Protein backbone atom coordinates (compact mmCIF):
# COMPACT_ATOMS: atom_id res chain seq x y z
CA GLU A 1 -11.47 0.89 12.10
CA VAL A 2 -8.37 -1.23 11.49
CA ASP A 3 -8.05 -2.78 8.06
CA TYR A 4 -4.98 -4.92 8.08
CA ILE A 5 -2.91 -6.35 11.13
CA LEU A 6 0.70 -7.56 10.10
CA ILE A 7 2.41 -10.02 12.15
CA SER A 8 6.07 -10.74 12.12
CA HIS A 9 6.22 -13.88 14.38
CA ASP A 10 4.27 -15.76 17.08
CA HIS A 11 6.54 -14.89 20.16
CA TYR A 12 4.17 -13.44 23.06
CA ASP A 13 5.45 -9.86 22.53
CA HIS A 14 4.55 -9.82 18.79
CA LEU A 15 1.31 -11.78 18.98
CA ASP A 16 -0.97 -11.23 22.05
CA MET A 17 -3.85 -13.53 22.49
CA ASP A 18 -6.15 -11.08 24.06
CA SER A 19 -5.39 -8.31 21.55
CA VAL A 20 -6.10 -10.96 18.56
CA LYS A 21 -9.25 -11.95 20.14
CA PHE A 22 -10.53 -8.27 20.54
CA PHE A 23 -10.57 -8.56 16.57
CA ALA A 24 -12.47 -11.95 16.21
CA ASN A 25 -15.61 -10.20 15.57
CA LYS A 26 -14.23 -7.39 13.47
CA THR A 27 -13.31 -7.33 9.95
CA ALA A 28 -9.55 -6.66 9.99
CA LYS A 29 -7.33 -9.03 7.72
CA PHE A 30 -4.24 -10.64 9.47
CA ILE A 31 -1.29 -10.85 7.31
CA THR A 32 1.19 -13.45 8.72
CA PRO A 33 4.36 -15.68 7.79
CA LEU A 34 3.62 -19.20 7.18
CA GLY A 35 2.04 -21.23 10.36
CA VAL A 36 0.82 -18.45 12.32
CA GLY A 37 -2.63 -18.53 10.97
CA ALA A 38 -3.52 -21.80 12.86
CA ARG A 39 -2.89 -20.04 15.99
CA LEU A 40 -5.13 -17.07 15.10
CA GLU A 41 -7.96 -19.52 13.80
CA GLY A 42 -7.68 -21.14 17.47
CA TRP A 43 -8.39 -17.69 18.97
CA GLY A 44 -11.46 -17.32 16.82
CA ILE A 45 -10.23 -15.46 13.58
CA SER A 46 -11.76 -16.85 10.63
CA ALA A 47 -9.42 -18.45 7.82
CA GLU A 48 -10.89 -16.27 5.38
CA ARG A 49 -9.42 -12.91 7.09
CA ILE A 50 -6.04 -14.54 7.13
CA THR A 51 -3.23 -14.47 4.60
CA GLU A 52 0.00 -16.40 5.19
CA LYS A 53 3.16 -15.97 3.20
CA ASN A 54 6.57 -17.38 2.81
CA TRP A 55 9.51 -15.14 2.40
CA TRP A 56 9.36 -13.09 -0.92
CA GLU A 57 5.79 -14.19 -1.25
CA GLU A 58 3.39 -11.28 -1.58
CA ALA A 59 -0.33 -10.38 -1.13
CA SER A 60 -2.23 -7.21 -2.36
CA PHE A 61 -4.90 -5.63 -0.89
CA GLU A 62 -6.76 -2.19 -1.97
CA GLY A 63 -3.51 -1.08 -3.71
CA ILE A 64 -1.06 -2.13 -1.02
CA LYS A 65 1.21 -4.91 -1.57
CA PHE A 66 2.78 -6.78 1.42
CA ILE A 67 5.66 -8.62 0.69
CA ALA A 68 7.18 -11.17 3.34
CA THR A 69 10.96 -10.85 3.50
CA PRO A 70 13.49 -12.74 5.56
CA ALA A 71 14.65 -12.03 9.00
CA GLN A 72 17.16 -13.56 11.30
CA HIS A 73 15.26 -14.74 14.28
CA PHE A 74 13.24 -17.80 15.43
CA SER A 75 9.59 -18.70 16.53
CA GLY A 76 7.82 -20.26 19.13
CA ARG A 77 5.74 -19.78 22.41
CA GLY A 78 6.89 -22.65 24.50
CA MET A 79 9.24 -25.59 24.89
CA PHE A 80 7.95 -27.59 22.08
CA ASP A 81 7.15 -25.28 19.30
CA ARG A 82 10.40 -23.84 18.49
CA ASN A 83 10.50 -22.83 14.74
CA LYS A 84 7.23 -24.59 13.95
CA THR A 85 6.00 -21.45 12.36
CA LEU A 86 8.03 -18.72 10.11
CA TRP A 87 9.22 -15.39 11.03
CA ALA A 88 9.34 -12.43 8.71
CA SER A 89 10.33 -8.94 7.98
CA TRP A 90 7.78 -6.97 5.76
CA VAL A 91 7.89 -4.43 2.69
CA LEU A 92 4.64 -2.45 2.14
CA GLN A 93 4.48 -0.97 -1.19
CA SER A 94 1.76 1.48 -2.68
CA LYS A 95 1.82 3.65 -5.85
CA ASN A 96 3.25 6.38 -3.70
CA HIS A 97 5.32 4.66 -0.56
CA ASN A 98 7.76 2.04 -0.19
CA ILE A 99 8.00 0.87 3.48
CA TYR A 100 10.22 -1.59 5.37
CA TYR A 101 9.63 -3.16 8.74
CA SER A 102 12.22 -5.60 10.06
CA GLY A 103 10.29 -7.31 12.73
CA ASP A 104 12.66 -9.01 15.21
CA SER A 105 15.97 -9.79 13.56
CA GLY A 106 19.73 -10.00 14.03
CA TYR A 107 22.03 -7.90 11.63
CA ASP A 108 22.96 -9.96 8.56
CA ILE A 109 23.46 -10.33 4.65
CA HIS A 110 19.52 -10.35 4.33
CA PHE A 111 19.33 -6.61 4.64
CA LYS A 112 21.22 -5.99 1.92
CA GLU A 113 19.29 -8.35 -0.43
CA ILE A 114 16.14 -6.88 0.64
CA GLY A 115 17.45 -3.50 -0.01
CA ASP A 116 18.76 -4.65 -3.30
CA ARG A 117 15.46 -6.35 -4.66
CA LEU A 118 12.71 -4.05 -3.23
CA GLY A 119 14.36 -0.82 -2.16
CA PRO A 120 14.95 2.15 -2.07
CA PHE A 121 12.57 2.72 0.90
CA ASP A 122 11.00 5.96 1.96
CA VAL A 123 11.39 4.93 5.66
CA ALA A 124 12.67 1.80 7.49
CA PHE A 125 11.13 0.66 10.81
CA LEU A 126 13.88 -1.32 12.54
CA GLU A 127 13.97 -3.34 15.76
CA CYS A 128 17.02 -2.16 17.45
CA GLY A 129 16.52 -1.86 21.23
CA GLN A 130 18.39 -5.02 22.65
CA TYR A 131 21.39 -4.14 24.74
CA ASP A 132 22.92 -7.55 25.48
CA GLN A 133 25.49 -9.02 22.92
CA LYS A 134 24.50 -12.62 23.65
CA TRP A 135 21.19 -11.60 21.71
CA SER A 136 22.85 -10.33 18.65
CA GLU A 137 22.09 -13.11 16.32
CA PHE A 138 18.46 -12.69 16.84
CA HIS A 139 18.27 -9.02 17.80
CA MET A 140 19.94 -5.71 16.44
CA LEU A 141 21.95 -3.89 18.78
CA PRO A 142 21.26 -0.13 18.55
CA GLU A 143 24.54 0.68 16.91
CA GLU A 144 23.82 -1.95 14.29
CA GLY A 145 20.24 -0.47 13.40
CA VAL A 146 21.45 3.05 13.21
CA VAL A 147 24.97 2.71 11.58
CA GLU A 148 24.93 -0.62 9.56
CA VAL A 149 21.30 -0.63 8.25
CA LYS A 150 21.41 2.99 7.32
CA LYS A 151 24.27 2.10 4.75
CA VAL A 152 21.92 -0.68 3.11
CA PHE A 153 18.54 1.59 3.12
CA SER A 154 17.78 5.02 2.07
CA GLY A 155 15.19 7.41 3.41
CA ALA A 156 14.28 7.96 7.16
CA LEU A 157 15.14 5.21 9.61
CA GLY A 158 12.62 4.46 12.50
CA ASN A 159 13.48 2.54 15.68
CA VAL A 160 10.69 -0.05 16.90
CA ARG A 161 10.59 -1.67 20.23
CA PHE A 162 7.69 -2.87 22.67
CA GLY A 163 5.08 -1.50 20.07
CA HIS A 164 6.44 2.08 19.71
CA ALA A 165 8.16 3.53 16.67
CA TYR A 166 10.32 6.61 16.60
CA LEU A 167 11.93 8.15 13.58
CA VAL A 168 15.53 9.05 13.62
């Protein structure tokens, strides 16, 4: 049984309609950036199961705090809805753990601010599998994820791409 589904943004590779619809008749709660909930409701998820947050806002469930944090990216699923919803990275805090998940993000000063405000982290899961310099504003290149971000965050570092997480 899945308790919580954490969404970073509404791009197809992070928000699959069929996967969401699978949970329509289940009990999992969805935690999303602002604006994404309307799409989930359109796919059959009841509003009571959706929590939307702006950057630096938090929600707590069963001793776990979910804090929406900045990311340098964009949102949209088509030609006419670019940046109509928010995108986010997330911090998950419990009594015993402090975890960071970057979502998709280019490297910038927001990482330092997140680390200063909410760190240190036991583990940071970072998106860093893009290999085209033209995408660097919106996606971290591998060397940025491993070298630059390691300077900002303490603890273990995990690489996330295409739904897989790897600890390095």
